[in-house]
Amino acid sequence: MKAELRTHFKNLDFSNIDIDLASLLNNFLEDKEEVKSLGLYSALKGEYPLLSKHLFSRWKIALPFIDGKEMKFSLVEENILDHKVDYDLNPEFRGDEVAPDALIIPALAYDKSGVRLGRGGGFYDRYLSDYTGLTIGISKNFVEELPEEDHDQRVQYVFNLKEIIKVKN
């Protein structure tokens, strides 16, 4: 079931989205003084490209890299915007390893309870199993219900490109 859903959602794109998601995110996090660093991502097909200069002016930004079967986050400098960055951040761009105060987590889809349909590698689920910070899922696709497995980790909020919704966990 998840494989068919992944195929369906991977074929969708964000080319017709005209919205300033960085501003919406900024407004949401404005009163959360404990958030000093954001864990973001380098957008793959079907994911909203959120990484922007605007975000660097307010927070320390961290991007993921893969270490064996684990995902970790590394601080990056604003000049990262001048480079093509892959899902697995190249060592030449890595700064200090951190656990960001808040994570913005891409997905092919989210449901109303914060269940995430990822790409099937399990990296975010493994990372989130011990993560204690703020979790915000982002996807163009927000559905009633997705299949959930024991290892799946839910997010606290879902950003559906119109608003940020607190989900029931």
N, C-alpha and C. Protein backbone atom coordinates (compact mmCIF):
# COMPACT_ATOMS: atom_id res chain seq x y z
N MET A 1 0.82 -1.20 0.00
CA MET A 1 0.00 0.00 0.00
C MET A 1 0.86 1.26 0.00
N LYS A 2 1.89 1.31 0.89
CA LYS A 2 2.75 2.48 0.94
C LYS A 2 3.50 2.68 -0.38
N ALA A 3 3.91 1.60 -1.02
CA ALA A 3 4.65 1.72 -2.28
C ALA A 3 3.80 2.40 -3.35
N GLU A 4 2.54 2.03 -3.44
CA GLU A 4 1.65 2.67 -4.43
C GLU A 4 1.44 4.15 -4.10
N LEU A 5 1.28 4.46 -2.82
CA LEU A 5 1.11 5.86 -2.42
C LEU A 5 2.37 6.67 -2.73
N ARG A 6 3.54 6.08 -2.48
CA ARG A 6 4.79 6.79 -2.80
C ARG A 6 4.87 7.10 -4.29
N THR A 7 4.55 6.14 -5.13
CA THR A 7 4.58 6.36 -6.58
C THR A 7 3.64 7.49 -6.97
N HIS A 8 2.46 7.49 -6.42
CA HIS A 8 1.48 8.54 -6.73
C HIS A 8 1.99 9.91 -6.32
N PHE A 9 2.45 10.06 -5.08
CA PHE A 9 2.84 11.37 -4.57
C PHE A 9 4.17 11.86 -5.14
N LYS A 10 5.08 10.96 -5.51
CA LYS A 10 6.36 11.37 -6.08
C LYS A 10 6.18 12.07 -7.42
N ASN A 11 5.10 11.77 -8.12
CA ASN A 11 4.87 12.36 -9.42
C ASN A 11 4.27 13.76 -9.35
N LEU A 12 3.94 14.24 -8.17
CA LEU A 12 3.41 15.58 -8.00
C LEU A 12 4.57 16.54 -7.78
N ASP A 13 4.39 17.81 -8.17
CA ASP A 13 5.47 18.77 -7.94
C ASP A 13 4.92 20.08 -7.36
N PHE A 14 5.83 21.00 -7.08
CA PHE A 14 5.48 22.25 -6.43
C PHE A 14 5.59 23.44 -7.39
N SER A 15 5.69 23.21 -8.67
CA SER A 15 5.91 24.30 -9.61
C SER A 15 4.76 25.30 -9.65
N ASN A 16 3.57 24.90 -9.25
CA ASN A 16 2.43 25.82 -9.29
C ASN A 16 2.12 26.45 -7.93
N ILE A 17 3.00 26.29 -6.95
CA ILE A 17 2.78 26.85 -5.62
C ILE A 17 3.36 28.25 -5.58
N ASP A 18 2.54 29.22 -5.29
CA ASP A 18 3.00 30.60 -5.16
C ASP A 18 2.67 31.07 -3.75
N ILE A 19 3.53 30.72 -2.80
CA ILE A 19 3.29 31.03 -1.41
C ILE A 19 4.65 31.25 -0.72
N ASP A 20 4.71 32.15 0.21
CA ASP A 20 5.93 32.41 0.94
C ASP A 20 5.94 31.57 2.22
N LEU A 21 6.39 30.34 2.07
CA LEU A 21 6.38 29.43 3.21
C LEU A 21 7.37 29.84 4.28
N ALA A 22 8.47 30.48 3.90
CA ALA A 22 9.43 30.93 4.89
C ALA A 22 8.79 31.94 5.83
N SER A 23 7.94 32.82 5.32
CA SER A 23 7.25 33.80 6.17
C SER A 23 6.23 33.12 7.08
N LEU A 24 5.50 32.14 6.56
CA LEU A 24 4.55 31.41 7.40
C LEU A 24 5.28 30.68 8.53
N LEU A 25 6.40 30.09 8.20
CA LEU A 25 7.20 29.39 9.20
C LEU A 25 7.72 30.38 10.24
N ASN A 26 8.22 31.50 9.77
CA ASN A 26 8.72 32.54 10.66
C ASN A 26 7.63 33.00 11.63
N ASN A 27 6.44 33.25 11.12
CA ASN A 27 5.32 33.68 11.97
C ASN A 27 4.97 32.61 13.01
N PHE A 28 4.98 31.37 12.62
CA PHE A 28 4.66 30.28 13.53
C PHE A 28 5.69 30.18 14.66
N LEU A 29 6.96 30.34 14.33
CA LEU A 29 8.03 30.16 15.31
C LEU A 29 8.35 31.43 16.09
N GLU A 30 7.70 32.53 15.75
CA GLU A 30 8.02 33.83 16.33
C GLU A 30 8.01 33.84 17.86
N ASP A 31 7.06 33.20 18.49
CA ASP A 31 6.97 33.22 19.95
C ASP A 31 7.65 32.02 20.61
N LYS A 32 8.33 31.22 19.83
CA LYS A 32 9.02 30.04 20.38
C LYS A 32 10.51 30.37 20.54
N GLU A 33 10.80 31.09 21.62
CA GLU A 33 12.15 31.59 21.87
C GLU A 33 13.18 30.47 22.05
N GLU A 34 12.71 29.29 22.42
CA GLU A 34 13.64 28.17 22.61
C GLU A 34 14.22 27.66 21.30
N VAL A 35 13.62 28.05 20.18
CA VAL A 35 14.10 27.58 18.87
C VAL A 35 15.18 28.53 18.36
N LYS A 36 16.42 28.06 18.46
CA LYS A 36 17.57 28.83 17.99
C LYS A 36 18.14 28.24 16.70
N SER A 37 17.82 26.96 16.47
CA SER A 37 18.34 26.29 15.27
C SER A 37 17.23 25.47 14.62
N LEU A 38 17.27 25.46 13.29
CA LEU A 38 16.29 24.72 12.49
C LEU A 38 16.98 23.63 11.69
N GLY A 39 16.43 22.44 11.75
CA GLY A 39 16.87 21.37 10.88
C GLY A 39 15.98 21.40 9.65
N LEU A 40 16.59 21.63 8.50
CA LEU A 40 15.84 21.69 7.24
C LEU A 40 16.26 20.52 6.36
N TYR A 41 16.06 20.65 5.07
CA TYR A 41 16.36 19.57 4.14
C TYR A 41 16.64 20.19 2.77
N SER A 42 17.30 19.43 1.94
CA SER A 42 17.49 19.82 0.55
C SER A 42 16.38 19.12 -0.24
N ALA A 43 15.54 19.90 -0.88
CA ALA A 43 14.32 19.36 -1.51
C ALA A 43 14.61 18.38 -2.64
N LEU A 44 13.92 17.26 -2.57
CA LEU A 44 13.91 16.30 -3.66
C LEU A 44 12.62 16.51 -4.46
N LYS A 45 12.46 15.78 -5.55
CA LYS A 45 11.23 15.90 -6.35
C LYS A 45 10.02 15.60 -5.46
N GLY A 46 9.03 16.47 -5.53
CA GLY A 46 7.82 16.30 -4.74
C GLY A 46 7.88 16.97 -3.38
N GLU A 47 9.01 17.63 -3.06
CA GLU A 47 9.16 18.32 -1.79
C GLU A 47 9.32 19.82 -2.03
N TYR A 48 8.77 20.62 -1.13
CA TYR A 48 8.86 22.06 -1.28
C TYR A 48 10.27 22.55 -0.95
N PRO A 49 10.86 23.35 -1.84
CA PRO A 49 12.21 23.88 -1.59
C PRO A 49 12.16 25.05 -0.60
N LEU A 50 12.33 24.76 0.66
CA LEU A 50 12.17 25.74 1.74
C LEU A 50 13.45 26.50 2.07
N LEU A 51 14.58 25.91 1.84
CA LEU A 51 15.87 26.51 2.18
C LEU A 51 16.02 27.85 1.48
N SER A 52 16.16 28.93 2.28
CA SER A 52 16.25 30.27 1.68
C SER A 52 17.06 31.20 2.57
N LYS A 53 17.52 32.29 1.98
CA LYS A 53 18.32 33.29 2.68
C LYS A 53 17.57 33.86 3.88
N HIS A 54 16.27 34.03 3.74
CA HIS A 54 15.43 34.60 4.79
C HIS A 54 15.58 33.82 6.11
N LEU A 55 15.65 32.51 6.04
CA LEU A 55 15.73 31.69 7.25
C LEU A 55 17.06 31.83 7.97
N PHE A 56 18.14 32.06 7.21
CA PHE A 56 19.46 32.22 7.82
C PHE A 56 19.55 33.49 8.66
N SER A 57 18.72 34.47 8.37
CA SER A 57 18.78 35.72 9.12
C SER A 57 18.22 35.57 10.53
N ARG A 58 17.51 34.50 10.80
CA ARG A 58 16.87 34.34 12.11
C ARG A 58 17.42 33.15 12.91
N TRP A 59 17.79 32.07 12.24
CA TRP A 59 18.19 30.86 12.94
C TRP A 59 19.51 30.31 12.41
N LYS A 60 20.11 29.46 13.23
CA LYS A 60 21.20 28.62 12.74
C LYS A 60 20.50 27.52 11.95
N ILE A 61 21.04 27.20 10.79
CA ILE A 61 20.42 26.21 9.91
C ILE A 61 21.28 24.95 9.87
N ALA A 62 20.64 23.81 9.98
CA ALA A 62 21.32 22.52 9.90
C ALA A 62 20.66 21.69 8.80
N LEU A 63 21.47 20.94 8.10
CA LEU A 63 20.99 20.04 7.05
C LEU A 63 21.42 18.61 7.38
N PRO A 64 20.66 17.63 6.88
CA PRO A 64 20.97 16.23 7.21
C PRO A 64 22.11 15.66 6.38
N PHE A 65 22.79 14.72 7.01
CA PHE A 65 23.75 13.88 6.29
C PHE A 65 23.59 12.46 6.81
N ILE A 66 24.04 11.52 6.01
CA ILE A 66 23.88 10.10 6.34
C ILE A 66 25.21 9.53 6.82
N ASP A 67 25.17 8.86 7.95
CA ASP A 67 26.34 8.22 8.54
C ASP A 67 25.96 6.76 8.77
N GLY A 68 26.30 5.92 7.81
CA GLY A 68 25.88 4.51 7.86
C GLY A 68 24.38 4.44 7.63
N LYS A 69 23.63 3.97 8.64
CA LYS A 69 22.17 3.93 8.53
C LYS A 69 21.51 5.02 9.36
N GLU A 70 22.34 5.92 9.90
CA GLU A 70 21.82 7.00 10.72
C GLU A 70 21.82 8.32 9.97
N MET A 71 20.83 9.13 10.27
CA MET A 71 20.80 10.49 9.77
C MET A 71 21.25 11.37 10.92
N LYS A 72 22.08 12.35 10.60
CA LYS A 72 22.55 13.33 11.57
C LYS A 72 22.39 14.71 10.92
N PHE A 73 22.54 15.75 11.73
CA PHE A 73 22.41 17.11 11.21
C PHE A 73 23.68 17.90 11.46
N SER A 74 24.02 18.72 10.48
CA SER A 74 25.21 19.55 10.55
C SER A 74 24.84 21.00 10.28
N LEU A 75 25.43 21.91 11.07
CA LEU A 75 25.23 23.33 10.79
C LEU A 75 25.85 23.67 9.44
N VAL A 76 25.19 24.58 8.74
CA VAL A 76 25.70 25.04 7.45
C VAL A 76 25.70 26.57 7.43
N GLU A 77 26.55 27.12 6.59
CA GLU A 77 26.63 28.57 6.42
C GLU A 77 25.69 29.00 5.29
N GLU A 78 25.35 30.26 5.26
CA GLU A 78 24.44 30.79 4.25
C GLU A 78 24.96 30.57 2.82
N ASN A 79 26.27 30.50 2.64
CA ASN A 79 26.81 30.29 1.29
C ASN A 79 26.45 28.92 0.72
N ILE A 80 25.83 28.06 1.53
CA ILE A 80 25.34 26.77 1.02
C ILE A 80 24.33 26.99 -0.10
N LEU A 81 23.67 28.15 -0.07
CA LEU A 81 22.67 28.47 -1.09
C LEU A 81 23.28 28.62 -2.47
N ASP A 82 24.59 28.81 -2.54
CA ASP A 82 25.29 28.95 -3.83
C ASP A 82 25.68 27.61 -4.43
N HIS A 83 25.35 26.53 -3.75
CA HIS A 83 25.77 25.20 -4.19
C HIS A 83 24.57 24.28 -4.35
N LYS A 84 24.75 23.28 -5.20
CA LYS A 84 23.74 22.23 -5.31
C LYS A 84 23.99 21.28 -4.15
N VAL A 85 22.96 21.09 -3.34
CA VAL A 85 23.10 20.26 -2.14
C VAL A 85 22.22 19.04 -2.29
N ASP A 86 22.79 17.87 -2.01
CA ASP A 86 22.04 16.63 -2.09
C ASP A 86 21.38 16.32 -0.75
N TYR A 87 20.53 15.32 -0.77
CA TYR A 87 19.86 14.84 0.45
C TYR A 87 20.88 14.51 1.52
N ASP A 88 22.00 13.94 1.14
CA ASP A 88 23.09 13.59 2.04
C ASP A 88 24.16 14.67 1.90
N LEU A 89 24.19 15.61 2.84
CA LEU A 89 25.08 16.77 2.78
C LEU A 89 26.54 16.33 2.62
N ASN A 90 27.20 16.84 1.60
CA ASN A 90 28.60 16.50 1.34
C ASN A 90 29.48 16.96 2.50
N PRO A 91 30.52 16.19 2.83
CA PRO A 91 31.41 16.56 3.95
C PRO A 91 32.00 17.96 3.82
N GLU A 92 32.26 18.41 2.61
CA GLU A 92 32.88 19.74 2.43
C GLU A 92 31.98 20.89 2.93
N PHE A 93 30.68 20.65 3.06
CA PHE A 93 29.76 21.69 3.51
C PHE A 93 29.37 21.56 4.98
N ARG A 94 29.82 20.51 5.63
CA ARG A 94 29.40 20.24 7.00
C ARG A 94 30.15 21.10 8.01
N GLY A 95 29.38 21.62 8.97
CA GLY A 95 29.96 22.31 10.12
C GLY A 95 29.82 21.40 11.32
N ASP A 96 29.55 22.00 12.46
CA ASP A 96 29.37 21.22 13.69
C ASP A 96 28.11 20.37 13.62
N GLU A 97 28.22 19.14 14.13
CA GLU A 97 27.04 18.28 14.23
C GLU A 97 26.16 18.80 15.38
N VAL A 98 24.86 18.88 15.14
CA VAL A 98 23.93 19.40 16.14
C VAL A 98 22.64 18.59 16.14
N ALA A 99 21.88 18.75 17.23
CA ALA A 99 20.49 18.30 17.27
C ALA A 99 19.68 19.60 17.24
N PRO A 100 19.11 19.95 16.09
CA PRO A 100 18.39 21.23 15.98
C PRO A 100 17.23 21.31 16.96
N ASP A 101 16.91 22.54 17.37
CA ASP A 101 15.80 22.76 18.30
C ASP A 101 14.46 22.43 17.67
N ALA A 102 14.36 22.62 16.36
CA ALA A 102 13.13 22.30 15.62
C ALA A 102 13.52 21.66 14.30
N LEU A 103 12.73 20.69 13.87
CA LEU A 103 12.96 20.03 12.59
C LEU A 103 11.78 20.28 11.67
N ILE A 104 12.07 20.66 10.44
CA ILE A 104 11.07 20.76 9.39
C ILE A 104 11.29 19.51 8.54
N ILE A 105 10.28 18.64 8.52
CA ILE A 105 10.45 17.30 7.96
C ILE A 105 9.61 17.14 6.70
N PRO A 106 10.26 16.95 5.56
CA PRO A 106 9.52 16.78 4.31
C PRO A 106 8.87 15.40 4.23
N ALA A 107 7.84 15.32 3.44
CA ALA A 107 7.18 14.03 3.20
C ALA A 107 6.43 14.09 1.89
N LEU A 108 6.16 12.94 1.37
CA LEU A 108 5.31 12.88 0.18
C LEU A 108 3.87 13.20 0.57
N ALA A 109 3.50 12.86 1.83
CA ALA A 109 2.16 13.17 2.35
C ALA A 109 2.18 13.04 3.87
N TYR A 110 1.24 13.75 4.50
CA TYR A 110 0.96 13.62 5.93
C TYR A 110 -0.53 13.39 6.09
N ASP A 111 -0.89 12.79 7.23
CA ASP A 111 -2.31 12.68 7.52
C ASP A 111 -2.65 13.53 8.74
N LYS A 112 -3.91 13.55 9.11
CA LYS A 112 -4.40 14.43 10.17
C LYS A 112 -3.88 14.09 11.55
N SER A 113 -3.26 12.91 11.71
CA SER A 113 -2.70 12.56 13.01
C SER A 113 -1.17 12.68 13.03
N GLY A 114 -0.58 13.22 11.97
CA GLY A 114 0.86 13.42 11.94
C GLY A 114 1.66 12.26 11.41
N VAL A 115 0.99 11.27 10.84
CA VAL A 115 1.69 10.14 10.22
C VAL A 115 2.28 10.63 8.90
N ARG A 116 3.51 10.22 8.66
CA ARG A 116 4.29 10.68 7.50
C ARG A 116 4.47 9.56 6.49
N LEU A 117 4.27 9.89 5.22
CA LEU A 117 4.64 8.98 4.14
C LEU A 117 5.95 9.49 3.57
N GLY A 118 7.04 8.84 3.95
CA GLY A 118 8.36 9.23 3.47
C GLY A 118 8.71 8.47 2.21
N ARG A 119 9.99 8.41 1.94
CA ARG A 119 10.48 7.77 0.73
C ARG A 119 10.87 6.31 0.94
N GLY A 120 10.75 5.83 2.18
CA GLY A 120 10.95 4.41 2.43
C GLY A 120 12.29 4.03 3.01
N GLY A 121 13.19 4.98 3.23
CA GLY A 121 14.50 4.65 3.78
C GLY A 121 14.53 4.53 5.29
N GLY A 122 13.58 5.14 5.97
CA GLY A 122 13.48 5.06 7.42
C GLY A 122 14.41 5.99 8.18
N PHE A 123 15.14 6.87 7.48
CA PHE A 123 16.10 7.74 8.16
C PHE A 123 15.42 8.68 9.16
N TYR A 124 14.35 9.33 8.75
CA TYR A 124 13.67 10.25 9.67
C TYR A 124 13.03 9.49 10.82
N ASP A 125 12.44 8.34 10.58
CA ASP A 125 11.84 7.57 11.66
C ASP A 125 12.89 7.19 12.71
N ARG A 126 14.05 6.75 12.26
CA ARG A 126 15.11 6.39 13.21
C ARG A 126 15.59 7.63 13.98
N TYR A 127 15.76 8.75 13.28
CA TYR A 127 16.21 9.97 13.93
C TYR A 127 15.18 10.47 14.95
N LEU A 128 13.93 10.47 14.56
CA LEU A 128 12.87 10.99 15.43
C LEU A 128 12.59 10.12 16.64
N SER A 129 13.00 8.86 16.61
CA SER A 129 12.71 7.98 17.74
C SER A 129 13.36 8.46 19.03
N ASP A 130 14.45 9.23 18.94
CA ASP A 130 15.13 9.77 20.13
C ASP A 130 15.11 11.30 20.18
N TYR A 131 14.50 11.92 19.22
CA TYR A 131 14.52 13.38 19.12
C TYR A 131 13.47 13.99 20.06
N THR A 132 13.84 15.05 20.77
CA THR A 132 12.92 15.66 21.73
C THR A 132 12.49 17.08 21.37
N GLY A 133 12.98 17.61 20.26
CA GLY A 133 12.64 18.98 19.88
C GLY A 133 11.28 19.07 19.20
N LEU A 134 11.01 20.24 18.67
CA LEU A 134 9.77 20.53 17.96
C LEU A 134 9.81 19.91 16.56
N THR A 135 8.73 19.24 16.16
CA THR A 135 8.69 18.60 14.84
C THR A 135 7.53 19.17 14.01
N ILE A 136 7.88 19.64 12.82
CA ILE A 136 6.90 20.21 11.90
C ILE A 136 7.05 19.50 10.57
N GLY A 137 6.02 18.79 10.17
CA GLY A 137 6.03 18.11 8.89
C GLY A 137 5.54 19.05 7.80
N ILE A 138 6.11 18.94 6.61
CA ILE A 138 5.69 19.78 5.50
C ILE A 138 5.44 18.93 4.27
N SER A 139 4.28 19.15 3.66
CA SER A 139 3.94 18.45 2.44
C SER A 139 2.81 19.17 1.73
N LYS A 140 2.81 19.05 0.45
CA LYS A 140 1.71 19.58 -0.36
C LYS A 140 0.48 18.70 -0.18
N ASN A 141 0.71 17.46 0.22
CA ASN A 141 -0.37 16.47 0.29
C ASN A 141 -0.76 16.19 1.73
N PHE A 142 -1.97 16.54 2.08
CA PHE A 142 -2.51 16.34 3.41
C PHE A 142 -3.77 15.50 3.23
N VAL A 143 -3.74 14.27 3.78
CA VAL A 143 -4.84 13.33 3.56
C VAL A 143 -5.47 12.92 4.89
N GLU A 144 -6.61 12.32 4.81
CA GLU A 144 -7.35 11.90 6.00
C GLU A 144 -6.56 10.87 6.83
N GLU A 145 -6.07 9.82 6.16
CA GLU A 145 -5.37 8.77 6.88
C GLU A 145 -4.37 8.07 5.98
N LEU A 146 -3.20 7.77 6.55
CA LEU A 146 -2.16 7.01 5.86
C LEU A 146 -1.93 5.71 6.64
N PRO A 147 -1.45 4.67 5.96
CA PRO A 147 -1.11 3.45 6.68
C PRO A 147 0.03 3.74 7.65
N GLU A 148 -0.04 3.17 8.84
CA GLU A 148 0.99 3.41 9.86
C GLU A 148 1.57 2.08 10.32
N GLU A 149 2.89 2.06 10.43
CA GLU A 149 3.59 0.88 10.93
C GLU A 149 4.19 1.18 12.30
N ASP A 150 4.58 0.15 13.02
CA ASP A 150 5.08 0.32 14.39
C ASP A 150 6.26 1.28 14.48
N HIS A 151 7.14 1.29 13.50
CA HIS A 151 8.34 2.12 13.55
C HIS A 151 8.09 3.58 13.14
N ASP A 152 6.92 3.87 12.59
CA ASP A 152 6.63 5.23 12.12
C ASP A 152 6.58 6.21 13.29
N GLN A 153 7.19 7.37 13.09
CA GLN A 153 7.23 8.43 14.09
C GLN A 153 6.36 9.58 13.61
N ARG A 154 5.43 10.00 14.44
CA ARG A 154 4.54 11.12 14.08
C ARG A 154 5.20 12.45 14.39
N VAL A 155 4.72 13.49 13.70
CA VAL A 155 5.17 14.85 13.97
C VAL A 155 4.14 15.57 14.83
N GLN A 156 4.55 16.67 15.44
CA GLN A 156 3.66 17.44 16.31
C GLN A 156 2.75 18.39 15.52
N TYR A 157 3.28 18.89 14.42
CA TYR A 157 2.55 19.85 13.59
C TYR A 157 2.71 19.45 12.13
N VAL A 158 1.71 19.80 11.33
CA VAL A 158 1.79 19.59 9.89
C VAL A 158 1.57 20.92 9.19
N PHE A 159 2.48 21.24 8.31
CA PHE A 159 2.47 22.45 7.51
C PHE A 159 1.95 22.03 6.13
N ASN A 160 0.71 22.36 5.83
CA ASN A 160 0.10 21.87 4.59
C ASN A 160 0.11 22.91 3.47
N LEU A 161 1.03 23.86 3.54
CA LEU A 161 1.22 24.94 2.58
C LEU A 161 0.18 26.06 2.69
N LYS A 162 -0.76 25.94 3.60
CA LYS A 162 -1.72 27.01 3.85
C LYS A 162 -1.64 27.46 5.29
N GLU A 163 -1.40 26.49 6.18
CA GLU A 163 -1.36 26.77 7.61
C GLU A 163 -0.58 25.67 8.31
N ILE A 164 -0.24 25.93 9.56
CA ILE A 164 0.40 24.92 10.38
C ILE A 164 -0.64 24.41 11.36
N ILE A 165 -0.83 23.11 11.35
CA ILE A 165 -1.90 22.47 12.12
C ILE A 165 -1.29 21.62 13.22
N LYS A 166 -1.72 21.82 14.46
CA LYS A 166 -1.31 20.92 15.54
C LYS A 166 -2.09 19.63 15.36
N VAL A 167 -1.38 18.53 15.29
CA VAL A 167 -2.03 17.25 15.08
C VAL A 167 -2.12 16.50 16.39
N LYS A 168 -3.05 15.61 16.48
CA LYS A 168 -3.21 14.80 17.68
C LYS A 168 -2.26 13.62 17.61
N ASN A 169 -1.45 13.47 18.63
CA ASN A 169 -0.50 12.35 18.67
C ASN A 169 -0.89 11.37 19.73
